[in-house]
Amino acid sequence: MDIRRLSVSELRLNTRDILEGVKFLHRRFVIATHGRPMAVVVNIEDWERLSGETLVDRAEEGEEPAEEA
């Protein structure tokens, strides 16, 4: 999958469209400021797969949330 590079200004102007593309089409973006990468925007499922972390609240899917220590 292609990773598109965006400036912070482009992100600011098109936030909703960008986030919908990330959520529904699994698009990926590198956000740059002054030409230097500063952040990556990816779909939550992609993030969980790549990082090994779980960020989605599973309670919404019918599972009980884990208790914190």
PDB file of N, CA and C in Angstrom:
ATOM      1  N   MET A   1       0.842  -1.175   0.000  1.00  0.00           N
ATOM      2  CA  MET A   1       0.000   0.000   0.000  1.00  0.00           C
ATOM      3  C   MET A   1       0.887   1.239   0.000  1.00  0.00           C
ATOM      4  N   ASP A   2       0.504   2.225  -0.753  1.00  0.00           N
ATOM      5  CA  ASP A   2       1.252   3.472  -0.833  1.00  0.00           C
ATOM      6  C   ASP A   2       1.074   4.304   0.426  1.00  0.00           C
ATOM      7  N   ILE A   3       2.128   5.005   0.786  1.00  0.00           N
ATOM      8  CA  ILE A   3       2.062   5.963   1.887  1.00  0.00           C
ATOM      9  C   ILE A   3       2.176   7.344   1.281  1.00  0.00           C
ATOM     10  N   ARG A   4       1.176   8.169   1.521  1.00  0.00           N
ATOM     11  CA  ARG A   4       1.158   9.514   0.954  1.00  0.00           C
ATOM     12  C   ARG A   4       1.734  10.511   1.955  1.00  0.00           C
ATOM     13  N   ARG A   5       2.495  11.445   1.482  1.00  0.00           N
ATOM     14  CA  ARG A   5       3.091  12.475   2.327  1.00  0.00           C
ATOM     15  C   ARG A   5       2.220  13.731   2.267  1.00  0.00           C
ATOM     16  N   LEU A   6       1.900  14.293   3.428  1.00  0.00           N
ATOM     17  CA  LEU A   6       1.086  15.499   3.523  1.00  0.00           C
ATOM     18  C   LEU A   6       1.783  16.522   4.405  1.00  0.00           C
ATOM     19  N   SER A   7       1.547  17.781   4.107  1.00  0.00           N
ATOM     20  CA  SER A   7       2.013  18.835   5.003  1.00  0.00           C
ATOM     21  C   SER A   7       0.971  19.011   6.106  1.00  0.00           C
ATOM     22  N   VAL A   8       1.382  19.650   7.181  1.00  0.00           N
ATOM     23  CA  VAL A   8       0.449  19.948   8.263  1.00  0.00           C
ATOM     24  C   VAL A   8      -0.699  20.805   7.734  1.00  0.00           C
ATOM     25  N   SER A   9      -0.399  21.716   6.828  1.00  0.00           N
ATOM     26  CA  SER A   9      -1.452  22.564   6.245  1.00  0.00           C
ATOM     27  C   SER A   9      -2.475  21.742   5.483  1.00  0.00           C
ATOM     28  N   GLU A  10      -2.015  20.760   4.696  1.00  0.00           N
ATOM     29  CA  GLU A  10      -2.943  19.884   3.968  1.00  0.00           C
ATOM     30  C   GLU A  10      -3.803  19.086   4.934  1.00  0.00           C
ATOM     31  N   LEU A  11      -3.189  18.603   6.004  1.00  0.00           N
ATOM     32  CA  LEU A  11      -3.943  17.862   7.021  1.00  0.00           C
ATOM     33  C   LEU A  11      -5.011  18.752   7.643  1.00  0.00           C
ATOM     34  N   ARG A  12      -4.652  19.962   7.982  1.00  0.00           N
ATOM     35  CA  ARG A  12      -5.587  20.894   8.603  1.00  0.00           C
ATOM     36  C   ARG A  12      -6.782  21.172   7.688  1.00  0.00           C
ATOM     37  N   LEU A  13      -6.521  21.337   6.399  1.00  0.00           N
ATOM     38  CA  LEU A  13      -7.583  21.662   5.450  1.00  0.00           C
ATOM     39  C   LEU A  13      -8.478  20.471   5.113  1.00  0.00           C
ATOM     40  N   ASN A  14      -7.943  19.271   5.215  1.00  0.00           N
ATOM     41  CA  ASN A  14      -8.659  18.081   4.742  1.00  0.00           C
ATOM     42  C   ASN A  14      -8.777  16.983   5.794  1.00  0.00           C
ATOM     43  N   THR A  15      -8.803  17.355   7.053  1.00  0.00           N
ATOM     44  CA  THR A  15      -8.768  16.363   8.132  1.00  0.00           C
ATOM     45  C   THR A  15      -9.843  15.297   7.993  1.00  0.00           C
ATOM     46  N   ARG A  16     -11.079  15.706   7.792  1.00  0.00           N
ATOM     47  CA  ARG A  16     -12.171  14.720   7.725  1.00  0.00           C
ATOM     48  C   ARG A  16     -11.970  13.739   6.574  1.00  0.00           C
ATOM     49  N   ASP A  17     -11.659  14.235   5.390  1.00  0.00           N
ATOM     50  CA  ASP A  17     -11.453  13.355   4.231  1.00  0.00           C
ATOM     51  C   ASP A  17     -10.273  12.414   4.453  1.00  0.00           C
ATOM     52  N   ILE A  18      -9.216  12.928   5.045  1.00  0.00           N
ATOM     53  CA  ILE A  18      -8.026  12.105   5.306  1.00  0.00           C
ATOM     54  C   ILE A  18      -8.368  10.992   6.291  1.00  0.00           C
ATOM     55  N   LEU A  19      -9.041  11.342   7.386  1.00  0.00           N
ATOM     56  CA  LEU A  19      -9.379  10.340   8.386  1.00  0.00           C
ATOM     57  C   LEU A  19     -10.381   9.315   7.858  1.00  0.00           C
ATOM     58  N   GLU A  20     -11.308   9.736   7.017  1.00  0.00           N
ATOM     59  CA  GLU A  20     -12.221   8.765   6.407  1.00  0.00           C
ATOM     60  C   GLU A  20     -11.464   7.819   5.482  1.00  0.00           C
ATOM     61  N   GLY A  21     -10.496   8.337   4.731  1.00  0.00           N
ATOM     62  CA  GLY A  21      -9.662   7.481   3.879  1.00  0.00           C
ATOM     63  C   GLY A  21      -8.856   6.485   4.691  1.00  0.00           C
ATOM     64  N   VAL A  22      -8.375   6.920   5.847  1.00  0.00           N
ATOM     65  CA  VAL A  22      -7.615   6.038   6.738  1.00  0.00           C
ATOM     66  C   VAL A  22      -8.531   4.955   7.296  1.00  0.00           C
ATOM     67  N   LYS A  23      -9.691   5.363   7.781  1.00  0.00           N
ATOM     68  CA  LYS A  23     -10.603   4.413   8.417  1.00  0.00           C
ATOM     69  C   LYS A  23     -11.194   3.408   7.434  1.00  0.00           C
ATOM     70  N   PHE A  24     -11.724   3.889   6.332  1.00  0.00           N
ATOM     71  CA  PHE A  24     -12.478   3.021   5.434  1.00  0.00           C
ATOM     72  C   PHE A  24     -11.654   2.397   4.308  1.00  0.00           C
ATOM     73  N   LEU A  25     -10.596   3.078   3.881  1.00  0.00           N
ATOM     74  CA  LEU A  25      -9.809   2.602   2.740  1.00  0.00           C
ATOM     75  C   LEU A  25      -8.408   2.161   3.135  1.00  0.00           C
ATOM     76  N   HIS A  26      -8.113   2.209   4.428  1.00  0.00           N
ATOM     77  CA  HIS A  26      -6.804   1.819   4.970  1.00  0.00           C
ATOM     78  C   HIS A  26      -5.653   2.592   4.323  1.00  0.00           C
ATOM     79  N   ARG A  27      -5.906   3.855   3.997  1.00  0.00           N
ATOM     80  CA  ARG A  27      -4.835   4.697   3.472  1.00  0.00           C
ATOM     81  C   ARG A  27      -3.878   5.047   4.603  1.00  0.00           C
ATOM     82  N   ARG A  28      -2.628   5.341   4.240  1.00  0.00           N
ATOM     83  CA  ARG A  28      -1.600   5.706   5.220  1.00  0.00           C
ATOM     84  C   ARG A  28      -0.978   7.027   4.809  1.00  0.00           C
ATOM     85  N   PHE A  29      -0.677   7.854   5.806  1.00  0.00           N
ATOM     86  CA  PHE A  29      -0.120   9.177   5.545  1.00  0.00           C
ATOM     87  C   PHE A  29       1.056   9.459   6.465  1.00  0.00           C
ATOM     88  N   VAL A  30       2.066  10.118   5.917  1.00  0.00           N
ATOM     89  CA  VAL A  30       3.145  10.692   6.699  1.00  0.00           C
ATOM     90  C   VAL A  30       2.880  12.196   6.718  1.00  0.00           C
ATOM     91  N   ILE A  31       2.818  12.761   7.907  1.00  0.00           N
ATOM     92  CA  ILE A  31       2.586  14.193   8.050  1.00  0.00           C
ATOM     93  C   ILE A  31       3.945  14.854   8.258  1.00  0.00           C
ATOM     94  N   ALA A  32       4.217  15.870   7.452  1.00  0.00           N
ATOM     95  CA  ALA A  32       5.523  16.532   7.509  1.00  0.00           C
ATOM     96  C   ALA A  32       5.361  18.013   7.827  1.00  0.00           C
ATOM     97  N   THR A  33       6.334  18.540   8.511  1.00  0.00           N
ATOM     98  CA  THR A  33       6.406  19.963   8.755  1.00  0.00           C
ATOM     99  C   THR A  33       7.783  20.431   8.319  1.00  0.00           C
ATOM    100  N   HIS A  34       7.796  21.477   7.531  1.00  0.00           N
ATOM    101  CA  HIS A  34       9.045  21.980   6.953  1.00  0.00           C
ATOM    102  C   HIS A  34       9.797  20.873   6.211  1.00  0.00           C
ATOM    103  N   GLY A  35       9.029  19.970   5.578  1.00  0.00           N
ATOM    104  CA  GLY A  35       9.616  18.895   4.792  1.00  0.00           C
ATOM    105  C   GLY A  35      10.137  17.709   5.581  1.00  0.00           C
ATOM    106  N   ARG A  36      10.008  17.749   6.901  1.00  0.00           N
ATOM    107  CA  ARG A  36      10.505  16.655   7.736  1.00  0.00           C
ATOM    108  C   ARG A  36       9.350  15.881   8.343  1.00  0.00           C
ATOM    109  N   PRO A  37       9.369  14.545   8.250  1.00  0.00           N
ATOM    110  CA  PRO A  37       8.298  13.731   8.828  1.00  0.00           C
ATOM    111  C   PRO A  37       8.167  13.965  10.330  1.00  0.00           C
ATOM    112  N   MET A  38       6.932  14.091  10.796  1.00  0.00           N
ATOM    113  CA  MET A  38       6.704  14.273  12.228  1.00  0.00           C
ATOM    114  C   MET A  38       5.690  13.296  12.809  1.00  0.00           C
ATOM    115  N   ALA A  39       4.843  12.699  11.951  1.00  0.00           N
ATOM    116  CA  ALA A  39       3.828  11.766  12.436  1.00  0.00           C
ATOM    117  C   ALA A  39       3.356  10.884  11.288  1.00  0.00           C
ATOM    118  N   VAL A  40       2.747   9.775  11.662  1.00  0.00           N
ATOM    119  CA  VAL A  40       2.153   8.857  10.696  1.00  0.00           C
ATOM    120  C   VAL A  40       0.703   8.652  11.094  1.00  0.00           C
ATOM    121  N   VAL A  41      -0.195   8.630  10.116  1.00  0.00           N
ATOM    122  CA  VAL A  41      -1.611   8.369  10.373  1.00  0.00           C
ATOM    123  C   VAL A  41      -1.962   7.057   9.673  1.00  0.00           C
ATOM    124  N   VAL A  42      -2.384   6.071  10.478  1.00  0.00           N
ATOM    125  CA  VAL A  42      -2.764   4.759   9.948  1.00  0.00           C
ATOM    126  C   VAL A  42      -4.062   4.311  10.600  1.00  0.00           C
ATOM    127  N   ASN A  43      -4.734   3.369   9.975  1.00  0.00           N
ATOM    128  CA  ASN A  43      -5.954   2.767  10.489  1.00  0.00           C
ATOM    129  C   ASN A  43      -5.653   2.077  11.822  1.00  0.00           C
ATOM    130  N   ILE A  44      -6.624   2.088  12.728  1.00  0.00           N
ATOM    131  CA  ILE A  44      -6.414   1.527  14.067  1.00  0.00           C
ATOM    132  C   ILE A  44      -6.059   0.044  14.019  1.00  0.00           C
ATOM    133  N   GLU A  45      -6.679  -0.709  13.116  1.00  0.00           N
ATOM    134  CA  GLU A  45      -6.354  -2.130  13.018  1.00  0.00           C
ATOM    135  C   GLU A  45      -4.912  -2.326  12.544  1.00  0.00           C
ATOM    136  N   ASP A  46      -4.473  -1.484  11.617  1.00  0.00           N
ATOM    137  CA  ASP A  46      -3.079  -1.550  11.159  1.00  0.00           C
ATOM    138  C   ASP A  46      -2.131  -1.230  12.306  1.00  0.00           C
ATOM    139  N   TRP A  47      -2.476  -0.205  13.096  1.00  0.00           N
ATOM    140  CA  TRP A  47      -1.629   0.159  14.238  1.00  0.00           C
ATOM    141  C   TRP A  47      -1.527  -0.996  15.226  1.00  0.00           C
ATOM    142  N   GLU A  48      -2.656  -1.607  15.551  1.00  0.00           N
ATOM    143  CA  GLU A  48      -2.633  -2.721  16.501  1.00  0.00           C
ATOM    144  C   GLU A  48      -1.774  -3.866  15.984  1.00  0.00           C
ATOM    145  N   ARG A  49      -1.889  -4.168  14.699  1.00  0.00           N
ATOM    146  CA  ARG A  49      -1.103  -5.247  14.106  1.00  0.00           C
ATOM    147  C   ARG A  49       0.389  -4.919  14.124  1.00  0.00           C
ATOM    148  N   LEU A  50       0.736  -3.693  13.777  1.00  0.00           N
ATOM    149  CA  LEU A  50       2.140  -3.300  13.702  1.00  0.00           C
ATOM    150  C   LEU A  50       2.789  -3.133  15.076  1.00  0.00           C
ATOM    151  N   SER A  51       2.039  -2.625  16.033  1.00  0.00           N
ATOM    152  CA  SER A  51       2.617  -2.317  17.339  1.00  0.00           C
ATOM    153  C   SER A  51       2.466  -3.435  18.365  1.00  0.00           C
ATOM    154  N   GLY A  52       1.482  -4.301  18.143  1.00  0.00           N
ATOM    155  CA  GLY A  52       1.200  -5.332  19.132  1.00  0.00           C
ATOM    156  C   GLY A  52       0.357  -4.814  20.289  1.00  0.00           C
ATOM    157  N   GLU A  53      -0.042  -3.549  20.243  1.00  0.00           N
ATOM    158  CA  GLU A  53      -0.876  -2.961  21.289  1.00  0.00           C
ATOM    159  C   GLU A  53      -2.341  -3.014  20.875  1.00  0.00           C
ATOM    160  N   THR A  54      -3.225  -3.057  21.873  1.00  0.00           N
ATOM    161  CA  THR A  54      -4.656  -3.011  21.618  1.00  0.00           C
ATOM    162  C   THR A  54      -5.178  -1.664  22.078  1.00  0.00           C
ATOM    163  N   LEU A  55      -5.745  -0.899  21.159  1.00  0.00           N
ATOM    164  CA  LEU A  55      -6.246   0.425  21.483  1.00  0.00           C
ATOM    165  C   LEU A  55      -7.753   0.521  21.419  1.00  0.00           C
ATOM    166  N   VAL A  56      -8.401  -0.405  20.722  1.00  0.00           N
ATOM    167  CA  VAL A  56      -9.855  -0.367  20.580  1.00  0.00           C
ATOM    168  C   VAL A  56     -10.486  -0.905  21.856  1.00  0.00           C
ATOM    169  N   ASP A  57     -11.482  -0.200  22.349  1.00  0.00           N
ATOM    170  CA  ASP A  57     -12.208  -0.620  23.541  1.00  0.00           C
ATOM    171  C   ASP A  57     -13.069  -1.823  23.180  1.00  0.00           C
ATOM    172  N   ARG A  58     -12.675  -2.986  23.630  1.00  0.00           N
ATOM    173  CA  ARG A  58     -13.392  -4.218  23.291  1.00  0.00           C
ATOM    174  C   ARG A  58     -14.757  -4.292  23.958  1.00  0.00           C
ATOM    175  N   ALA A  59     -15.015  -3.451  24.942  1.00  0.00           N
ATOM    176  CA  ALA A  59     -16.331  -3.436  25.582  1.00  0.00           C
ATOM    177  C   ALA A  59     -17.409  -3.081  24.567  1.00  0.00           C
ATOM    178  N   GLU A  60     -17.036  -2.283  23.567  1.00  0.00           N
ATOM    179  CA  GLU A  60     -17.994  -1.915  22.528  1.00  0.00           C
ATOM    180  C   GLU A  60     -18.375  -3.126  21.689  1.00  0.00           C
ATOM    181  N   GLU A  61     -17.516  -4.147  21.701  1.00  0.00           N
ATOM    182  CA  GLU A  61     -17.761  -5.339  20.906  1.00  0.00           C
ATOM    183  C   GLU A  61     -18.346  -6.464  21.762  1.00  0.00           C
ATOM    184  N   GLY A  62     -18.812  -6.134  22.968  1.00  0.00           N
ATOM    185  CA  GLY A  62     -19.446  -7.119  23.818  1.00  0.00           C
ATOM    186  C   GLY A  62     -18.529  -7.778  24.808  1.00  0.00           C
ATOM    187  N   GLU A  63     -17.253  -7.437  24.862  1.00  0.00           N
ATOM    188  CA  GLU A  63     -16.332  -8.015  25.808  1.00  0.00           C
ATOM    189  C   GLU A  63     -16.205  -7.112  27.019  1.00  0.00           C
ATOM    190  N   GLU A  64     -15.946  -7.696  28.159  1.00  0.00           N
ATOM    191  CA  GLU A  64     -15.729  -6.913  29.360  1.00  0.00           C
ATOM    192  C   GLU A  64     -14.340  -6.287  29.310  1.00  0.00           C
ATOM    193  N   PRO A  65     -14.212  -5.009  29.685  1.00  0.00           N
ATOM    194  CA  PRO A  65     -12.893  -4.378  29.693  1.00  0.00           C
ATOM    195  C   PRO A  65     -12.018  -4.984  30.775  1.00  0.00           C
ATOM    196  N   ALA A  66     -10.724  -5.058  30.511  1.00  0.00           N
ATOM    197  CA  ALA A  66      -9.773  -5.580  31.490  1.00  0.00           C
ATOM    198  C   ALA A  66      -9.625  -4.586  32.626  1.00  0.00           C
ATOM    199  N   GLU A  67      -9.516  -5.098  33.839  1.00  0.00           N
ATOM    200  CA  GLU A  67      -9.339  -4.234  35.001  1.00  0.00           C
ATOM    201  C   GLU A  67      -7.876  -3.818  35.099  1.00  0.00           C
ATOM    202  N   GLU A  68      -7.649  -2.543  35.429  1.00  0.00           N
ATOM    203  CA  GLU A  68      -6.294  -2.063  35.594  1.00  0.00           C
ATOM    204  C   GLU A  68      -5.835  -2.333  37.020  1.00  0.00           C
ATOM    205  N   ALA A  69      -4.555  -2.621  37.166  1.00  0.00           N
ATOM    206  CA  ALA A  69      -3.986  -2.911  38.493  1.00  0.00           C
ATOM    207  C   ALA A  69      -3.765  -1.647  39.282  1.00  0.00           C
TER     208      ALA A  69
END
